[in-house]
Amino acid sequence: LLPTYGNEVYRKVLVLGLGKKEEFSPN
């Protein structure tokens, strides 16, 4: 999680790790 300090329309950015692309699934 990191703040945008008013430089964007959204207050913070949350980076969500999804792991290895080839292993990613709907579940």
PDB file of all heavy atoms in Angstrom:
ATOM      1  N   LEU A   1       0.842  -1.195   0.000  1.00  0.00           N
ATOM      2  CA  LEU A   1       0.000   0.000   0.000  1.00  0.00           C
ATOM      3  C   LEU A   1       0.876   1.245   0.000  1.00  0.00           C
ATOM      4  O   LEU A   1       1.835   1.345   0.756  1.00  0.00           O
ATOM      5  CB  LEU A   1      -0.888   0.000   1.247  1.00  0.00           C
ATOM      6  CG  LEU A   1      -1.931   1.113   1.367  1.00  0.00           C
ATOM      7  CD1 LEU A   1      -3.035   0.915   0.342  1.00  0.00           C
ATOM      8  CD2 LEU A   1      -2.518   1.141   2.773  1.00  0.00           C
ATOM      9  N   LEU A   2       0.551   2.197  -0.866  1.00  0.00           N
ATOM     10  CA  LEU A   2       1.293   3.461  -0.883  1.00  0.00           C
ATOM     11  C   LEU A   2       0.363   4.626  -1.175  1.00  0.00           C
ATOM     12  O   LEU A   2      -0.620   4.482  -1.909  1.00  0.00           O
ATOM     13  CB  LEU A   2       2.426   3.413  -1.900  1.00  0.00           C
ATOM     14  CG  LEU A   2       2.109   3.313  -3.392  1.00  0.00           C
ATOM     15  CD1 LEU A   2       3.286   3.829  -4.192  1.00  0.00           C
ATOM     16  CD2 LEU A   2       1.830   1.874  -3.807  1.00  0.00           C
ATOM     17  N   PRO A   3       0.646   5.788  -0.604  1.00  0.00           N
ATOM     18  CA  PRO A   3      -0.187   6.977  -0.827  1.00  0.00           C
ATOM     19  C   PRO A   3       0.155   7.658  -2.148  1.00  0.00           C
ATOM     20  O   PRO A   3       1.249   7.495  -2.686  1.00  0.00           O
ATOM     21  CB  PRO A   3       0.171   7.873   0.367  1.00  0.00           C
ATOM     22  CG  PRO A   3       1.591   7.496   0.691  1.00  0.00           C
ATOM     23  CD  PRO A   3       1.712   6.028   0.396  1.00  0.00           C
ATOM     24  N   THR A   4      -0.793   8.437  -2.649  1.00  0.00           N
ATOM     25  CA  THR A   4      -0.552   9.188  -3.890  1.00  0.00           C
ATOM     26  C   THR A   4      -0.289  10.667  -3.622  1.00  0.00           C
ATOM     27  O   THR A   4       0.014  11.408  -4.557  1.00  0.00           O
ATOM     28  CB  THR A   4      -1.765   9.055  -4.832  1.00  0.00           C
ATOM     29  OG1 THR A   4      -2.910   9.642  -4.204  1.00  0.00           O
ATOM     30  CG2 THR A   4      -2.039   7.601  -5.174  1.00  0.00           C
ATOM     31  N   TYR A   5      -0.431  11.107  -2.361  1.00  0.00           N
ATOM     32  CA  TYR A   5      -0.132  12.485  -1.956  1.00  0.00           C
ATOM     33  C   TYR A   5      -0.877  13.518  -2.802  1.00  0.00           C
ATOM     34  O   TYR A   5      -0.353  14.579  -3.137  1.00  0.00           O
ATOM     35  CB  TYR A   5       1.374  12.748  -2.005  1.00  0.00           C
ATOM     36  CG  TYR A   5       2.160  11.842  -1.083  1.00  0.00           C
ATOM     37  CD1 TYR A   5       2.965  10.829  -1.591  1.00  0.00           C
ATOM     38  CD2 TYR A   5       2.072  12.002   0.307  1.00  0.00           C
ATOM     39  CE1 TYR A   5       3.674   9.997  -0.743  1.00  0.00           C
ATOM     40  CE2 TYR A   5       2.779  11.169   1.163  1.00  0.00           C
ATOM     41  CZ  TYR A   5       3.570  10.167   0.637  1.00  0.00           C
ATOM     42  OH  TYR A   5       4.264   9.332   1.486  1.00  0.00           O
ATOM     43  N   GLY A   6      -2.108  13.183  -3.153  1.00  0.00           N
ATOM     44  CA  GLY A   6      -2.949  14.126  -3.874  1.00  0.00           C
ATOM     45  C   GLY A   6      -2.618  14.292  -5.341  1.00  0.00           C
ATOM     46  O   GLY A   6      -3.194  15.154  -6.016  1.00  0.00           O
ATOM     47  N   ASN A   7      -1.718  13.469  -5.855  1.00  0.00           N
ATOM     48  CA  ASN A   7      -1.329  13.572  -7.266  1.00  0.00           C
ATOM     49  C   ASN A   7      -2.252  12.786  -8.199  1.00  0.00           C
ATOM     50  O   ASN A   7      -2.100  12.850  -9.419  1.00  0.00           O
ATOM     51  CB  ASN A   7       0.112  13.086  -7.457  1.00  0.00           C
ATOM     52  CG  ASN A   7       1.112  13.994  -6.772  1.00  0.00           C
ATOM     53  OD1 ASN A   7       0.945  15.217  -6.780  1.00  0.00           O
ATOM     54  ND2 ASN A   7       2.131  13.409  -6.147  1.00  0.00           N
ATOM     55  N   GLU A   8      -3.168  12.012  -7.629  1.00  0.00           N
ATOM     56  CA  GLU A   8      -4.117  11.228  -8.424  1.00  0.00           C
ATOM     57  C   GLU A   8      -5.517  11.434  -7.863  1.00  0.00           C
ATOM     58  O   GLU A   8      -5.691  11.961  -6.753  1.00  0.00           O
ATOM     59  CB  GLU A   8      -3.758   9.730  -8.385  1.00  0.00           C
ATOM     60  CG  GLU A   8      -2.357   9.396  -8.870  1.00  0.00           C
ATOM     61  CD  GLU A   8      -2.205   9.522 -10.377  1.00  0.00           C
ATOM     62  OE1 GLU A   8      -3.229   9.715 -11.071  1.00  0.00           O
ATOM     63  OE2 GLU A   8      -1.068   9.436 -10.863  1.00  0.00           O
ATOM     64  N   VAL A   9      -6.542  10.999  -8.603  1.00  0.00           N
ATOM     65  CA  VAL A   9      -7.924  11.132  -8.112  1.00  0.00           C
ATOM     66  C   VAL A   9      -8.207  10.146  -6.984  1.00  0.00           C
ATOM     67  O   VAL A   9      -9.148  10.327  -6.222  1.00  0.00           O
ATOM     68  CB  VAL A   9      -8.950  10.933  -9.250  1.00  0.00           C
ATOM     69  CG1 VAL A   9      -8.839  12.049 -10.267  1.00  0.00           C
ATOM     70  CG2 VAL A   9      -8.790   9.567  -9.910  1.00  0.00           C
ATOM     71  N   TYR A  10      -7.420   9.103  -6.885  1.00  0.00           N
ATOM     72  CA  TYR A  10      -7.543   8.114  -5.804  1.00  0.00           C
ATOM     73  C   TYR A  10      -6.473   8.414  -4.756  1.00  0.00           C
ATOM     74  O   TYR A  10      -5.359   8.857  -5.067  1.00  0.00           O
ATOM     75  CB  TYR A  10      -7.409   6.688  -6.343  1.00  0.00           C
ATOM     76  CG  TYR A  10      -6.364   6.522  -7.426  1.00  0.00           C
ATOM     77  CD1 TYR A  10      -5.035   6.252  -7.110  1.00  0.00           C
ATOM     78  CD2 TYR A  10      -6.712   6.647  -8.772  1.00  0.00           C
ATOM     79  CE1 TYR A  10      -4.078   6.110  -8.108  1.00  0.00           C
ATOM     80  CE2 TYR A  10      -5.766   6.518  -9.776  1.00  0.00           C
ATOM     81  CZ  TYR A  10      -4.448   6.249  -9.438  1.00  0.00           C
ATOM     82  OH  TYR A  10      -3.503   6.119 -10.412  1.00  0.00           O
ATOM     83  N   ARG A  11      -6.812   8.170  -3.481  1.00  0.00           N
ATOM     84  CA  ARG A  11      -5.926   8.559  -2.387  1.00  0.00           C
ATOM     85  C   ARG A  11      -4.731   7.630  -2.221  1.00  0.00           C
ATOM     86  O   ARG A  11      -3.634   8.063  -1.875  1.00  0.00           O
ATOM     87  CB  ARG A  11      -6.717   8.618  -1.083  1.00  0.00           C
ATOM     88  CG  ARG A  11      -7.747   9.750  -1.016  1.00  0.00           C
ATOM     89  CD  ARG A  11      -8.551   9.695   0.275  1.00  0.00           C
ATOM     90  NE  ARG A  11      -7.678   9.581   1.435  1.00  0.00           N
ATOM     91  CZ  ARG A  11      -7.753   8.589   2.320  1.00  0.00           C
ATOM     92  NH1 ARG A  11      -8.641   7.618   2.175  1.00  0.00           N
ATOM     93  NH2 ARG A  11      -6.946   8.579   3.361  1.00  0.00           N
ATOM     94  N   LYS A  12      -4.954   6.329  -2.438  1.00  0.00           N
ATOM     95  CA  LYS A  12      -3.881   5.351  -2.232  1.00  0.00           C
ATOM     96  C   LYS A  12      -3.920   4.300  -3.331  1.00  0.00           C
ATOM     97  O   LYS A  12      -4.953   4.094  -3.982  1.00  0.00           O
ATOM     98  CB  LYS A  12      -4.025   4.673  -0.861  1.00  0.00           C
ATOM     99  CG  LYS A  12      -3.850   5.627   0.315  1.00  0.00           C
ATOM    100  CD  LYS A  12      -4.030   4.910   1.649  1.00  0.00           C
ATOM    101  CE  LYS A  12      -3.887   5.908   2.810  1.00  0.00           C
ATOM    102  NZ  LYS A  12      -4.086   5.243   4.118  1.00  0.00           N
ATOM    103  N   VAL A  13      -2.810   3.639  -3.508  1.00  0.00           N
ATOM    104  CA  VAL A  13      -2.712   2.512  -4.434  1.00  0.00           C
ATOM    105  C   VAL A  13      -2.395   1.256  -3.629  1.00  0.00           C
ATOM    106  O   VAL A  13      -1.471   1.261  -2.800  1.00  0.00           O
ATOM    107  CB  VAL A  13      -1.608   2.738  -5.496  1.00  0.00           C
ATOM    108  CG1 VAL A  13      -1.460   1.499  -6.384  1.00  0.00           C
ATOM    109  CG2 VAL A  13      -1.924   3.948  -6.347  1.00  0.00           C
ATOM    110  N   LEU A  14      -3.160   0.209  -3.882  1.00  0.00           N
ATOM    111  CA  LEU A  14      -2.884  -1.093  -3.270  1.00  0.00           C
ATOM    112  C   LEU A  14      -2.437  -2.037  -4.372  1.00  0.00           C
ATOM    113  O   LEU A  14      -3.189  -2.313  -5.312  1.00  0.00           O
ATOM    114  CB  LEU A  14      -4.136  -1.649  -2.585  1.00  0.00           C
ATOM    115  CG  LEU A  14      -3.981  -3.026  -1.928  1.00  0.00           C
ATOM    116  CD1 LEU A  14      -3.042  -2.944  -0.720  1.00  0.00           C
ATOM    117  CD2 LEU A  14      -5.333  -3.592  -1.494  1.00  0.00           C
ATOM    118  N   VAL A  15      -1.200  -2.505  -4.268  1.00  0.00           N
ATOM    119  CA  VAL A  15      -0.683  -3.448  -5.250  1.00  0.00           C
ATOM    120  C   VAL A  15      -0.997  -4.854  -4.746  1.00  0.00           C
ATOM    121  O   VAL A  15      -0.613  -5.221  -3.628  1.00  0.00           O
ATOM    122  CB  VAL A  15       0.835  -3.279  -5.454  1.00  0.00           C
ATOM    123  CG1 VAL A  15       1.299  -4.124  -6.637  1.00  0.00           C
ATOM    124  CG2 VAL A  15       1.193  -1.818  -5.673  1.00  0.00           C
ATOM    125  N   LEU A  16      -1.686  -5.624  -5.562  1.00  0.00           N
ATOM    126  CA  LEU A  16      -2.159  -6.952  -5.180  1.00  0.00           C
ATOM    127  C   LEU A  16      -1.372  -8.014  -5.932  1.00  0.00           C
ATOM    128  O   LEU A  16      -1.433  -8.093  -7.167  1.00  0.00           O
ATOM    129  CB  LEU A  16      -3.652  -7.075  -5.489  1.00  0.00           C
ATOM    130  CG  LEU A  16      -4.349  -8.398  -5.171  1.00  0.00           C
ATOM    131  CD1 LEU A  16      -4.295  -8.694  -3.667  1.00  0.00           C
ATOM    132  CD2 LEU A  16      -5.794  -8.368  -5.651  1.00  0.00           C
ATOM    133  N   GLY A  17      -0.626  -8.817  -5.206  1.00  0.00           N
ATOM    134  CA  GLY A  17       0.154  -9.880  -5.830  1.00  0.00           C
ATOM    135  C   GLY A  17      -0.722 -11.039  -6.274  1.00  0.00           C
ATOM    136  O   GLY A  17      -1.524 -11.550  -5.484  1.00  0.00           O
ATOM    137  N   LEU A  18      -0.570 -11.452  -7.538  1.00  0.00           N
ATOM    138  CA  LEU A  18      -1.355 -12.571  -8.071  1.00  0.00           C
ATOM    139  C   LEU A  18      -0.501 -13.796  -8.363  1.00  0.00           C
ATOM    140  O   LEU A  18      -0.986 -14.778  -8.911  1.00  0.00           O
ATOM    141  CB  LEU A  18      -2.092 -12.138  -9.345  1.00  0.00           C
ATOM    142  CG  LEU A  18      -3.099 -10.990  -9.188  1.00  0.00           C
ATOM    143  CD1 LEU A  18      -3.839 -10.757 -10.500  1.00  0.00           C
ATOM    144  CD2 LEU A  18      -4.076 -11.235  -8.048  1.00  0.00           C
ATOM    145  N   GLY A  19       0.794 -13.727  -7.971  1.00  0.00           N
ATOM    146  CA  GLY A  19       1.651 -14.898  -8.149  1.00  0.00           C
ATOM    147  C   GLY A  19       2.092 -15.097  -9.587  1.00  0.00           C
ATOM    148  O   GLY A  19       2.133 -14.160 -10.396  1.00  0.00           O
ATOM    149  N   LYS A  20       2.387 -16.345  -9.919  1.00  0.00           N
ATOM    150  CA  LYS A  20       2.850 -16.665 -11.271  1.00  0.00           C
ATOM    151  C   LYS A  20       1.666 -16.683 -12.231  1.00  0.00           C
ATOM    152  O   LYS A  20       0.645 -17.302 -11.954  1.00  0.00           O
ATOM    153  CB  LYS A  20       3.561 -18.020 -11.266  1.00  0.00           C
ATOM    154  CG  LYS A  20       4.833 -18.036 -10.426  1.00  0.00           C
ATOM    155  CD  LYS A  20       5.493 -19.400 -10.419  1.00  0.00           C
ATOM    156  CE  LYS A  20       6.758 -19.375  -9.567  1.00  0.00           C
ATOM    157  NZ  LYS A  20       7.415 -20.711  -9.506  1.00  0.00           N
ATOM    158  N   LYS A  21       1.842 -16.015 -13.346  1.00  0.00           N
ATOM    159  CA  LYS A  21       0.739 -15.840 -14.285  1.00  0.00           C
ATOM    160  C   LYS A  21       0.193 -17.167 -14.778  1.00  0.00           C
ATOM    161  O   LYS A  21      -1.022 -17.347 -14.915  1.00  0.00           O
ATOM    162  CB  LYS A  21       1.204 -14.997 -15.470  1.00  0.00           C
ATOM    163  CG  LYS A  21       0.073 -14.478 -16.345  1.00  0.00           C
ATOM    164  CD  LYS A  21       0.586 -13.426 -17.312  1.00  0.00           C
ATOM    165  CE  LYS A  21      -0.559 -12.749 -18.049  1.00  0.00           C
ATOM    166  NZ  LYS A  21      -0.082 -11.658 -18.920  1.00  0.00           N
ATOM    167  N   GLU A  22       1.087 -18.137 -15.035  1.00  0.00           N
ATOM    168  CA  GLU A  22       0.652 -19.429 -15.565  1.00  0.00           C
ATOM    169  C   GLU A  22      -0.111 -20.255 -14.535  1.00  0.00           C
ATOM    170  O   GLU A  22      -0.785 -21.225 -14.874  1.00  0.00           O
ATOM    171  CB  GLU A  22       1.850 -20.212 -16.102  1.00  0.00           C
ATOM    172  CG  GLU A  22       2.900 -20.608 -15.059  1.00  0.00           C
ATOM    173  CD  GLU A  22       3.964 -19.537 -14.850  1.00  0.00           C
ATOM    174  OE1 GLU A  22       3.732 -18.374 -15.247  1.00  0.00           O
ATOM    175  OE2 GLU A  22       5.027 -19.870 -14.288  1.00  0.00           O
ATOM    176  N   GLU A  23      -0.017 -19.878 -13.256  1.00  0.00           N
ATOM    177  CA  GLU A  23      -0.707 -20.621 -12.203  1.00  0.00           C
ATOM    178  C   GLU A  23      -1.979 -19.911 -11.735  1.00  0.00           C
ATOM    179  O   GLU A  23      -2.724 -20.440 -10.910  1.00  0.00           O
ATOM    180  CB  GLU A  23       0.225 -20.815 -11.004  1.00  0.00           C
ATOM    181  CG  GLU A  23       1.441 -21.681 -11.312  1.00  0.00           C
ATOM    182  CD  GLU A  23       2.380 -21.798 -10.129  1.00  0.00           C
ATOM    183  OE1 GLU A  23       2.094 -21.166  -9.074  1.00  0.00           O
ATOM    184  OE2 GLU A  23       3.392 -22.512 -10.232  1.00  0.00           O
ATOM    185  N   PHE A  24      -2.238 -18.730 -12.279  1.00  0.00           N
ATOM    186  CA  PHE A  24      -3.383 -17.959 -11.821  1.00  0.00           C
ATOM    187  C   PHE A  24      -4.668 -18.533 -12.396  1.00  0.00           C
ATOM    188  O   PHE A  24      -4.723 -18.957 -13.550  1.00  0.00           O
ATOM    189  CB  PHE A  24      -3.235 -16.498 -12.230  1.00  0.00           C
ATOM    190  CG  PHE A  24      -4.196 -15.584 -11.541  1.00  0.00           C
ATOM    191  CD1 PHE A  24      -4.172 -15.434 -10.166  1.00  0.00           C
ATOM    192  CD2 PHE A  24      -5.136 -14.866 -12.263  1.00  0.00           C
ATOM    193  CE1 PHE A  24      -5.061 -14.584  -9.519  1.00  0.00           C
ATOM    194  CE2 PHE A  24      -6.031 -14.018 -11.636  1.00  0.00           C
ATOM    195  CZ  PHE A  24      -5.992 -13.877 -10.265  1.00  0.00           C
ATOM    196  N   SER A  25      -5.733 -18.555 -11.592  1.00  0.00           N
ATOM    197  CA  SER A  25      -6.991 -19.203 -11.966  1.00  0.00           C
ATOM    198  C   SER A  25      -8.169 -18.395 -11.433  1.00  0.00           C
ATOM    199  O   SER A  25      -8.004 -17.513 -10.583  1.00  0.00           O
ATOM    200  CB  SER A  25      -7.040 -20.613 -11.368  1.00  0.00           C
ATOM    201  OG  SER A  25      -7.099 -20.542  -9.946  1.00  0.00           O
ATOM    202  N   PRO A  26      -9.388 -18.705 -11.904  1.00  0.00           N
ATOM    203  CA  PRO A  26     -10.570 -18.022 -11.358  1.00  0.00           C
ATOM    204  C   PRO A  26     -10.711 -18.181  -9.843  1.00  0.00           C
ATOM    205  O   PRO A  26     -11.122 -17.245  -9.158  1.00  0.00           O
ATOM    206  CB  PRO A  26     -11.730 -18.691 -12.112  1.00  0.00           C
ATOM    207  CG  PRO A  26     -11.131 -19.090 -13.424  1.00  0.00           C
ATOM    208  CD  PRO A  26      -9.736 -19.529 -13.088  1.00  0.00           C
ATOM    209  N   ASN A  27     -10.375 -19.361  -9.317  1.00  0.00           N
ATOM    210  CA  ASN A  27     -10.457 -19.554  -7.867  1.00  0.00           C
ATOM    211  C   ASN A  27      -9.472 -18.655  -7.136  1.00  0.00           C
ATOM    212  O   ASN A  27      -9.778 -18.089  -6.074  1.00  0.00           O
ATOM    213  CB  ASN A  27     -10.207 -21.019  -7.510  1.00  0.00           C
ATOM    214  CG  ASN A  27     -11.417 -21.892  -7.764  1.00  0.00           C
ATOM    215  OD1 ASN A  27     -12.549 -21.427  -7.719  1.00  0.00           O
ATOM    216  ND2 ASN A  27     -11.205 -23.163  -8.032  1.00  0.00           N
TER     217      ASN A  27
END
